[in-house]
Amino acid sequence: MSYPQSTLEEIIDSERAMLLDASERYGQHYNHARNTAIYLTLCIKSIERDRVDMFGRLFSLMKKHHTLSFFSALRLHKVQAMMDLRQVLEAGAAAAFAITHPETHHFANVDAFGIMDPSQKLTSKRYKWLEKNYPHISEWVSSTKGRINNHAAHANIISADNTFRMTDDRAFANTPFFDVEDEYFVKGDLWLISSVAITLMDLFFGVAGDVARAGRSVIEFRDDFQHTIHGLAFENNALLTKIQASERYQKAMQKAEQSKPGA
């Protein structure tokens, strides 16, 4: 599909059209990502008062950037999608910590004037908590952020290739506002965006369960949570298997193996 982008008005109209056309463009990859994004906004029924201030605001931040990441992938802004997804990972890790440690001093230093400083030292403490108590999730957050940082979070020639094309005779260049569409990569991004949401929802459920077993319930999830999250995880794994079975993925893996030292 072609989306006009010569004027601001065309860009606005095209971005709307991209969202409305997404089911036709990306099929089950879009439908799965949409269902996951919607369930992320619905999965929690209630939060105890002493948890709502800190967990609530971090959960809200996470949801916002997850929706923005989802929209950005569909609107062909890969870098923006991945930078928003990094916010999702960071806010999600902090939100999980807030379930067990809801006090403000765990998240920001406050001076005599009430000015808050979200210091890196406090961030490091939260990640150490995650590493100690949920090591497999800690490793997953770190590796996922690492891939985003290496390939999308900072300006590089690979990202630049998405918005630059030379004519065959190299006489002219095209510098589109939207990324040059590659269905394979967009579907992969939709899979990752969904996978992050599913994993973080499952983390929240696990942390809340641990807190409940140690004392009292502080977050109530929907009655269908476990059934729904298992269904979403099953769909996510099926889509990953489909991506990995594609010819492009197989060729990429072959090249990766051949490029290893000693291969």
C-alpha atoms as a PDB file:
ATOM      1  CA  MET A   1       0.000   0.000   0.000  1.00  0.00           C
ATOM      2  CA  SER A   2       1.118   3.551  -0.738  1.00  0.00           C
ATOM      3  CA  TYR A   3       0.777   6.331   1.825  1.00  0.00           C
ATOM      4  CA  PRO A   4       1.211   9.972   0.726  1.00  0.00           C
ATOM      5  CA  GLN A   5       3.738  11.943   2.790  1.00  0.00           C
ATOM      6  CA  SER A   6       4.532  15.131   0.892  1.00  0.00           C
ATOM      7  CA  THR A   7       2.761  17.510   3.296  1.00  0.00           C
ATOM      8  CA  LEU A   8       1.970  17.585   7.009  1.00  0.00           C
ATOM      9  CA  GLU A   9      -1.683  17.019   6.186  1.00  0.00           C
ATOM     10  CA  GLU A  10      -0.840  13.960   4.086  1.00  0.00           C
ATOM     11  CA  ILE A  11       1.342  12.559   6.857  1.00  0.00           C
ATOM     12  CA  ILE A  12      -1.452  12.951   9.422  1.00  0.00           C
ATOM     13  CA  ASP A  13      -3.969  11.256   7.128  1.00  0.00           C
ATOM     14  CA  SER A  14      -1.522   8.495   6.192  1.00  0.00           C
ATOM     15  CA  GLU A  15      -0.693   7.668   9.803  1.00  0.00           C
ATOM     16  CA  ARG A  16      -4.391   7.256  10.536  1.00  0.00           C
ATOM     17  CA  ALA A  17      -4.813   5.080   7.449  1.00  0.00           C
ATOM     18  CA  MET A  18      -1.858   2.888   8.449  1.00  0.00           C
ATOM     19  CA  LEU A  19      -3.531   2.033  11.745  1.00  0.00           C
ATOM     20  CA  LEU A  20      -6.872   1.325  10.103  1.00  0.00           C
ATOM     21  CA  ASP A  21      -5.252  -0.794   7.368  1.00  0.00           C
ATOM     22  CA  ALA A  22      -3.030  -2.730   9.780  1.00  0.00           C
ATOM     23  CA  SER A  23      -5.149  -5.872   9.983  1.00  0.00           C
ATOM     24  CA  GLU A  24      -5.051  -6.233   6.208  1.00  0.00           C
ATOM     25  CA  ARG A  25      -1.318  -5.455   6.054  1.00  0.00           C
ATOM     26  CA  TYR A  26      -0.061  -7.695   8.856  1.00  0.00           C
ATOM     27  CA  GLY A  27      -2.855 -10.170   9.556  1.00  0.00           C
ATOM     28  CA  GLN A  28      -2.508 -12.321  12.666  1.00  0.00           C
ATOM     29  CA  HIS A  29       0.656 -10.490  13.736  1.00  0.00           C
ATOM     30  CA  TYR A  30      -1.385  -7.292  14.038  1.00  0.00           C
ATOM     31  CA  ASN A  31      -4.367  -8.990  15.638  1.00  0.00           C
ATOM     32  CA  HIS A  32      -2.159 -10.628  18.263  1.00  0.00           C
ATOM     33  CA  ALA A  33      -0.340  -7.369  19.030  1.00  0.00           C
ATOM     34  CA  ARG A  34      -3.642  -5.496  19.270  1.00  0.00           C
ATOM     35  CA  ASN A  35      -5.193  -8.065  21.598  1.00  0.00           C
ATOM     36  CA  THR A  36      -2.098  -8.008  23.798  1.00  0.00           C
ATOM     37  CA  ALA A  37      -2.060  -4.205  23.978  1.00  0.00           C
ATOM     38  CA  ILE A  38      -5.732  -4.133  24.914  1.00  0.00           C
ATOM     39  CA  TYR A  39      -5.345  -6.790  27.598  1.00  0.00           C
ATOM     40  CA  LEU A  40      -2.426  -4.877  29.094  1.00  0.00           C
ATOM     41  CA  THR A  41      -4.878  -2.064  29.860  1.00  0.00           C
ATOM     42  CA  LEU A  42      -7.470  -4.450  31.342  1.00  0.00           C
ATOM     43  CA  CYS A  43      -5.509  -7.110  33.234  1.00  0.00           C
ATOM     44  CA  ILE A  44      -5.618  -5.437  36.670  1.00  0.00           C
ATOM     45  CA  LYS A  45      -8.898  -5.077  38.570  1.00  0.00           C
ATOM     46  CA  SER A  46      -7.712  -3.166  41.627  1.00  0.00           C
ATOM     47  CA  ILE A  47      -4.615  -1.902  43.460  1.00  0.00           C
ATOM     48  CA  GLU A  48      -4.334  -1.344  47.201  1.00  0.00           C
ATOM     49  CA  ARG A  49      -4.058   2.293  48.290  1.00  0.00           C
ATOM     50  CA  ASP A  50      -0.503   1.955  49.569  1.00  0.00           C
ATOM     51  CA  ARG A  51       0.630   0.584  46.192  1.00  0.00           C
ATOM     52  CA  VAL A  52      -1.383   2.676  43.774  1.00  0.00           C
ATOM     53  CA  ASP A  53       0.736   5.845  43.933  1.00  0.00           C
ATOM     54  CA  MET A  54       4.051   4.323  42.892  1.00  0.00           C
ATOM     55  CA  PHE A  55       3.050   1.139  41.053  1.00  0.00           C
ATOM     56  CA  GLY A  56       0.102   2.916  39.458  1.00  0.00           C
ATOM     57  CA  ARG A  57       2.115   5.712  37.924  1.00  0.00           C
ATOM     58  CA  LEU A  58       4.826   3.366  36.624  1.00  0.00           C
ATOM     59  CA  PHE A  59       2.232   0.969  35.224  1.00  0.00           C
ATOM     60  CA  SER A  60       0.506   3.907  33.522  1.00  0.00           C
ATOM     61  CA  LEU A  61       3.810   5.081  32.029  1.00  0.00           C
ATOM     62  CA  MET A  62       4.503   1.565  30.798  1.00  0.00           C
ATOM     63  CA  LYS A  63       1.068   1.241  29.172  1.00  0.00           C
ATOM     64  CA  LYS A  64       1.414   4.587  27.406  1.00  0.00           C
ATOM     65  CA  HIS A  65       4.763   3.753  25.865  1.00  0.00           C
ATOM     66  CA  HIS A  66       3.619   0.266  24.930  1.00  0.00           C
ATOM     67  CA  THR A  67       0.732   1.760  22.952  1.00  0.00           C
ATOM     68  CA  LEU A  68       3.096   4.281  21.368  1.00  0.00           C
ATOM     69  CA  SER A  69       5.502   1.489  20.429  1.00  0.00           C
ATOM     70  CA  PHE A  70       2.654  -0.505  18.881  1.00  0.00           C
ATOM     71  CA  PHE A  71       1.408   2.515  16.937  1.00  0.00           C
ATOM     72  CA  SER A  72       4.907   3.498  15.818  1.00  0.00           C
ATOM     73  CA  ALA A  73       5.593   0.049  14.388  1.00  0.00           C
ATOM     74  CA  LEU A  74       2.377   0.239  12.362  1.00  0.00           C
ATOM     75  CA  ARG A  75       3.121   3.805  11.243  1.00  0.00           C
ATOM     76  CA  LEU A  76       6.569   2.715   9.980  1.00  0.00           C
ATOM     77  CA  HIS A  77       8.705   4.456  12.598  1.00  0.00           C
ATOM     78  CA  LYS A  78      10.935   1.605  13.787  1.00  0.00           C
ATOM     79  CA  VAL A  79      13.391   3.687  15.810  1.00  0.00           C
ATOM     80  CA  GLN A  80      10.560   5.390  17.658  1.00  0.00           C
ATOM     81  CA  ALA A  81       8.884   2.021  18.265  1.00  0.00           C
ATOM     82  CA  MET A  82      12.034   0.565  19.793  1.00  0.00           C
ATOM     83  CA  MET A  83      12.823   3.623  21.921  1.00  0.00           C
ATOM     84  CA  ASP A  84       9.305   3.502  23.317  1.00  0.00           C
ATOM     85  CA  LEU A  85       9.731  -0.213  23.937  1.00  0.00           C
ATOM     86  CA  ARG A  86      12.855   0.517  25.970  1.00  0.00           C
ATOM     87  CA  GLN A  87      10.702   2.805  28.130  1.00  0.00           C
ATOM     88  CA  VAL A  88       8.270  -0.092  28.539  1.00  0.00           C
ATOM     89  CA  LEU A  89      11.037  -2.386  29.779  1.00  0.00           C
ATOM     90  CA  GLU A  90      12.410   0.200  32.196  1.00  0.00           C
ATOM     91  CA  ALA A  91       9.017   1.236  33.553  1.00  0.00           C
ATOM     92  CA  GLY A  92       7.949  -2.403  33.793  1.00  0.00           C
ATOM     93  CA  ALA A  93      11.008  -3.390  35.826  1.00  0.00           C
ATOM     94  CA  ALA A  94      10.457  -0.417  38.133  1.00  0.00           C
ATOM     95  CA  ALA A  95       6.744  -1.209  38.468  1.00  0.00           C
ATOM     96  CA  ALA A  96       7.523  -4.781  39.516  1.00  0.00           C
ATOM     97  CA  PHE A  97       9.851  -3.441  42.211  1.00  0.00           C
ATOM     98  CA  ALA A  98       7.135  -1.011  43.363  1.00  0.00           C
ATOM     99  CA  ILE A  99       4.821  -3.918  44.158  1.00  0.00           C
ATOM    100  CA  THR A 100       7.183  -4.899  46.978  1.00  0.00           C
ATOM    101  CA  HIS A 101       8.748  -1.493  47.743  1.00  0.00           C
ATOM    102  CA  PRO A 102       6.123   1.252  47.260  1.00  0.00           C
ATOM    103  CA  GLU A 103       7.935   4.043  49.125  1.00  0.00           C
ATOM    104  CA  THR A 104       9.080   7.097  47.169  1.00  0.00           C
ATOM    105  CA  HIS A 105      12.638   7.034  48.540  1.00  0.00           C
ATOM    106  CA  HIS A 106      13.292   3.850  46.539  1.00  0.00           C
ATOM    107  CA  PHE A 107      12.702   5.759  43.294  1.00  0.00           C
ATOM    108  CA  ALA A 108      13.917   9.319  43.811  1.00  0.00           C
ATOM    109  CA  ASN A 109      15.964  11.459  46.142  1.00  0.00           C
ATOM    110  CA  VAL A 110      14.011  14.485  47.375  1.00  0.00           C
ATOM    111  CA  ASP A 111      15.853  17.629  48.479  1.00  0.00           C
ATOM    112  CA  ALA A 112      14.772  20.286  50.988  1.00  0.00           C
ATOM    113  CA  PHE A 113      12.783  22.081  48.294  1.00  0.00           C
ATOM    114  CA  GLY A 114      10.849  18.977  47.293  1.00  0.00           C
ATOM    115  CA  ILE A 115      12.715  18.592  44.003  1.00  0.00           C
ATOM    116  CA  MET A 116      12.982  14.946  42.982  1.00  0.00           C
ATOM    117  CA  ASP A 117      16.054  13.346  41.451  1.00  0.00           C
ATOM    118  CA  PRO A 118      15.560   9.822  39.987  1.00  0.00           C
ATOM    119  CA  SER A 119      19.195   8.926  40.589  1.00  0.00           C
ATOM    120  CA  GLN A 120      20.994   6.208  38.682  1.00  0.00           C
ATOM    121  CA  LYS A 121      22.088   4.685  42.000  1.00  0.00           C
ATOM    122  CA  LEU A 122      18.459   3.961  42.898  1.00  0.00           C
ATOM    123  CA  THR A 123      17.840   2.532  39.444  1.00  0.00           C
ATOM    124  CA  SER A 124      20.789   0.183  39.925  1.00  0.00           C
ATOM    125  CA  LYS A 125      19.390  -0.980  43.270  1.00  0.00           C
ATOM    126  CA  ARG A 126      16.083  -1.868  41.623  1.00  0.00           C
ATOM    127  CA  TYR A 127      17.799  -3.876  38.910  1.00  0.00           C
ATOM    128  CA  LYS A 128      19.858  -5.699  41.549  1.00  0.00           C
ATOM    129  CA  TRP A 129      16.605  -6.602  43.319  1.00  0.00           C
ATOM    130  CA  LEU A 130      15.226  -7.976  40.060  1.00  0.00           C
ATOM    131  CA  GLU A 131      18.418  -9.944  39.417  1.00  0.00           C
ATOM    132  CA  LYS A 132      18.338 -11.465  42.907  1.00  0.00           C
ATOM    133  CA  ASN A 133      14.645 -12.363  43.046  1.00  0.00           C
ATOM    134  CA  TYR A 134      13.718 -13.004  39.394  1.00  0.00           C
ATOM    135  CA  PRO A 135      17.020 -13.790  37.641  1.00  0.00           C
ATOM    136  CA  HIS A 136      15.518 -15.141  34.401  1.00  0.00           C
ATOM    137  CA  ILE A 137      13.444 -11.969  33.968  1.00  0.00           C
ATOM    138  CA  SER A 138      16.439  -9.813  34.856  1.00  0.00           C
ATOM    139  CA  GLU A 139      18.495 -11.499  32.146  1.00  0.00           C
ATOM    140  CA  TRP A 140      15.646 -11.116  29.653  1.00  0.00           C
ATOM    141  CA  VAL A 141      15.222  -7.382  30.405  1.00  0.00           C
ATOM    142  CA  SER A 142      18.963  -6.820  30.073  1.00  0.00           C
ATOM    143  CA  SER A 143      19.316  -8.741  26.806  1.00  0.00           C
ATOM    144  CA  THR A 144      16.226  -7.139  25.246  1.00  0.00           C
ATOM    145  CA  LYS A 145      17.375  -3.638  26.192  1.00  0.00           C
ATOM    146  CA  GLY A 146      20.823  -4.511  24.877  1.00  0.00           C
ATOM    147  CA  ARG A 147      19.462  -5.447  21.450  1.00  0.00           C
ATOM    148  CA  ILE A 148      17.443  -2.234  21.309  1.00  0.00           C
ATOM    149  CA  ASN A 149      20.435  -0.136  22.376  1.00  0.00           C
ATOM    150  CA  ASN A 150      22.729  -1.790  19.846  1.00  0.00           C
ATOM    151  CA  HIS A 151      20.452  -1.538  16.830  1.00  0.00           C
ATOM    152  CA  ALA A 152      17.849   1.194  17.288  1.00  0.00           C
ATOM    153  CA  ALA A 153      18.278   3.487  20.294  1.00  0.00           C
ATOM    154  CA  HIS A 154      21.234   5.379  18.839  1.00  0.00           C
ATOM    155  CA  ALA A 155      21.655   6.894  15.376  1.00  0.00           C
ATOM    156  CA  ASN A 156      23.360   4.505  12.974  1.00  0.00           C
ATOM    157  CA  ILE A 157      23.628   3.758   9.271  1.00  0.00           C
ATOM    158  CA  ILE A 158      21.302   0.737   9.487  1.00  0.00           C
ATOM    159  CA  SER A 159      18.471   2.850  10.869  1.00  0.00           C
ATOM    160  CA  ALA A 160      19.281   5.557   8.326  1.00  0.00           C
ATOM    161  CA  ASP A 161      18.828   3.053   5.513  1.00  0.00           C
ATOM    162  CA  ASN A 162      15.127   2.860   6.382  1.00  0.00           C
ATOM    163  CA  THR A 163      14.610   6.461   5.279  1.00  0.00           C
ATOM    164  CA  PHE A 164      16.958   6.796   2.316  1.00  0.00           C
ATOM    165  CA  ARG A 165      16.909   5.406  -1.201  1.00  0.00           C
ATOM    166  CA  MET A 166      18.950   6.269  -4.306  1.00  0.00           C
ATOM    167  CA  THR A 167      17.533   5.950  -7.788  1.00  0.00           C
ATOM    168  CA  ASP A 168      19.030   3.208  -9.952  1.00  0.00           C
ATOM    169  CA  ASP A 169      21.195   5.703 -11.840  1.00  0.00           C
ATOM    170  CA  ARG A 170      22.165   7.328  -8.507  1.00  0.00           C
ATOM    171  CA  ALA A 171      21.187  10.715  -9.862  1.00  0.00           C
ATOM    172  CA  PHE A 172      18.557  11.372  -7.198  1.00  0.00           C
ATOM    173  CA  ALA A 173      17.845  10.364  -3.602  1.00  0.00           C
ATOM    174  CA  ASN A 174      14.531   9.796  -1.871  1.00  0.00           C
ATOM    175  CA  THR A 175      14.304  10.690   1.838  1.00  0.00           C
ATOM    176  CA  PRO A 176      10.826   9.592   2.962  1.00  0.00           C
ATOM    177  CA  PHE A 177       9.261  10.486   6.307  1.00  0.00           C
ATOM    178  CA  PHE A 178       8.016   6.933   6.793  1.00  0.00           C
ATOM    179  CA  ASP A 179      10.403   3.999   6.865  1.00  0.00           C
ATOM    180  CA  VAL A 180      10.571   2.023   3.643  1.00  0.00           C
ATOM    181  CA  GLU A 181       8.093  -0.728   4.491  1.00  0.00           C
ATOM    182  CA  ASP A 182       9.463  -4.221   5.037  1.00  0.00           C
ATOM    183  CA  GLU A 183       6.678  -6.557   6.131  1.00  0.00           C
ATOM    184  CA  TYR A 184       9.119  -9.099   7.554  1.00  0.00           C
ATOM    185  CA  PHE A 185      10.688  -6.613   9.966  1.00  0.00           C
ATOM    186  CA  VAL A 186       7.409  -4.979  10.967  1.00  0.00           C
ATOM    187  CA  LYS A 187       5.952  -8.373  11.850  1.00  0.00           C
ATOM    188  CA  GLY A 188       9.058  -9.122  13.884  1.00  0.00           C
ATOM    189  CA  ASP A 189       8.676  -5.831  15.745  1.00  0.00           C
ATOM    190  CA  LEU A 190       4.999  -6.530  16.440  1.00  0.00           C
ATOM    191  CA  TRP A 191       5.981  -9.914  17.830  1.00  0.00           C
ATOM    192  CA  LEU A 192       8.603  -8.352  20.120  1.00  0.00           C
ATOM    193  CA  ILE A 193       6.269  -5.592  21.319  1.00  0.00           C
ATOM    194  CA  SER A 194       3.693  -8.230  22.236  1.00  0.00           C
ATOM    195  CA  SER A 195       6.265 -10.504  23.854  1.00  0.00           C
ATOM    196  CA  VAL A 196       7.461  -7.705  26.132  1.00  0.00           C
ATOM    197  CA  ALA A 197       3.923  -6.938  27.314  1.00  0.00           C
ATOM    198  CA  ILE A 198       3.116 -10.604  27.966  1.00  0.00           C
ATOM    199  CA  THR A 199       6.329 -11.168  29.916  1.00  0.00           C
ATOM    200  CA  LEU A 200       5.844  -8.065  32.064  1.00  0.00           C
ATOM    201  CA  MET A 201       2.218  -8.883  32.834  1.00  0.00           C
ATOM    202  CA  ASP A 202       3.295 -12.338  33.927  1.00  0.00           C
ATOM    203  CA  LEU A 203       6.054 -10.782  36.061  1.00  0.00           C
ATOM    204  CA  PHE A 204       3.574  -8.497  37.838  1.00  0.00           C
ATOM    205  CA  PHE A 205       1.306 -11.454  38.528  1.00  0.00           C
ATOM    206  CA  GLY A 206       4.209 -13.429  39.969  1.00  0.00           C
ATOM    207  CA  VAL A 207       5.521 -10.600  42.160  1.00  0.00           C
ATOM    208  CA  ALA A 208       2.028  -9.790  43.446  1.00  0.00           C
ATOM    209  CA  GLY A 209       1.541 -13.470  44.243  1.00  0.00           C
ATOM    210  CA  ASP A 210       4.791 -13.572  46.217  1.00  0.00           C
ATOM    211  CA  VAL A 211       3.736 -10.484  48.196  1.00  0.00           C
ATOM    212  CA  ALA A 212       0.323 -12.020  48.899  1.00  0.00           C
ATOM    213  CA  ARG A 213       1.869 -15.236  50.173  1.00  0.00           C
ATOM    214  CA  ALA A 214       4.152 -13.230  52.465  1.00  0.00           C
ATOM    215  CA  GLY A 215       1.381 -11.106  53.944  1.00  0.00           C
ATOM    216  CA  ARG A 216      -1.556  -9.655  52.025  1.00  0.00           C
ATOM    217  CA  SER A 217      -2.855  -9.183  48.516  1.00  0.00           C
ATOM    218  CA  VAL A 218      -1.996  -5.754  47.098  1.00  0.00           C
ATOM    219  CA  ILE A 219      -3.002  -6.175  43.432  1.00  0.00           C
ATOM    220  CA  GLU A 220      -6.053  -8.006  42.148  1.00  0.00           C
ATOM    221  CA  PHE A 221      -5.916  -9.320  38.594  1.00  0.00           C
ATOM    222  CA  ARG A 222      -8.836 -10.235  36.386  1.00  0.00           C
ATOM    223  CA  ASP A 223     -10.359 -13.644  37.010  1.00  0.00           C
ATOM    224  CA  ASP A 224      -9.392 -14.719  33.489  1.00  0.00           C
ATOM    225  CA  PHE A 225      -5.774 -13.555  33.828  1.00  0.00           C
ATOM    226  CA  GLN A 226      -3.957 -16.883  33.866  1.00  0.00           C
ATOM    227  CA  HIS A 227      -6.090 -18.371  31.102  1.00  0.00           C
ATOM    228  CA  THR A 228      -5.707 -15.271  28.924  1.00  0.00           C
ATOM    229  CA  ILE A 229      -1.982 -14.798  29.488  1.00  0.00           C
ATOM    230  CA  HIS A 230      -1.329 -18.457  28.692  1.00  0.00           C
ATOM    231  CA  GLY A 231      -3.331 -18.066  25.485  1.00  0.00           C
ATOM    232  CA  LEU A 232      -1.428 -14.931  24.490  1.00  0.00           C
ATOM    233  CA  ALA A 233       1.898 -16.624  25.259  1.00  0.00           C
ATOM    234  CA  PHE A 234       0.896 -19.612  23.119  1.00  0.00           C
ATOM    235  CA  GLU A 235       0.000 -17.313  20.205  1.00  0.00           C
ATOM    236  CA  ASN A 236       3.245 -15.395  20.658  1.00  0.00           C
ATOM    237  CA  ASN A 237       5.324 -18.568  20.541  1.00  0.00           C
ATOM    238  CA  ALA A 238       3.442 -19.751  17.451  1.00  0.00           C
ATOM    239  CA  LEU A 239       4.167 -16.474  15.649  1.00  0.00           C
ATOM    240  CA  LEU A 240       7.835 -16.693  16.608  1.00  0.00           C
ATOM    241  CA  THR A 241       7.990 -20.222  15.199  1.00  0.00           C
ATOM    242  CA  LYS A 242       6.446 -18.920  11.980  1.00  0.00           C
ATOM    243  CA  ILE A 243       9.007 -16.122  11.744  1.00  0.00           C
ATOM    244  CA  GLN A 244      11.883 -18.518  12.419  1.00  0.00           C
ATOM    245  CA  ALA A 245      10.639 -20.878   9.714  1.00  0.00           C
ATOM    246  CA  SER A 246      10.725 -18.149   7.060  1.00  0.00           C
ATOM    247  CA  GLU A 247      13.365 -18.234   4.345  1.00  0.00           C
ATOM    248  CA  ARG A 248      14.709 -14.805   5.307  1.00  0.00           C
ATOM    249  CA  TYR A 249      15.214 -15.824   8.911  1.00  0.00           C
ATOM    250  CA  GLN A 250      16.942 -19.059   7.914  1.00  0.00           C
ATOM    251  CA  LYS A 251      19.301 -17.233   5.559  1.00  0.00           C
ATOM    252  CA  ALA A 252      20.093 -14.658   8.246  1.00  0.00           C
ATOM    253  CA  MET A 253      20.950 -17.410  10.726  1.00  0.00           C
ATOM    254  CA  GLN A 254      23.202 -19.098   8.157  1.00  0.00           C
ATOM    255  CA  LYS A 255      25.079 -15.844   7.585  1.00  0.00           C
ATOM    256  CA  ALA A 256      25.396 -15.318  11.340  1.00  0.00           C
ATOM    257  CA  GLU A 257      26.900 -18.777  11.764  1.00  0.00           C
ATOM    258  CA  GLN A 258      29.309 -18.252   8.879  1.00  0.00           C
ATOM    259  CA  SER A 259      30.502 -14.943  10.324  1.00  0.00           C
ATOM    260  CA  LYS A 260      31.470 -16.452  13.682  1.00  0.00           C
ATOM    261  CA  PRO A 261      35.227 -16.719  14.360  1.00  0.00           C
ATOM    262  CA  GLY A 262      36.551 -20.086  13.243  1.00  0.00           C
ATOM    263  CA  ALA A 263      33.514 -20.853  11.076  1.00  0.00           C
END
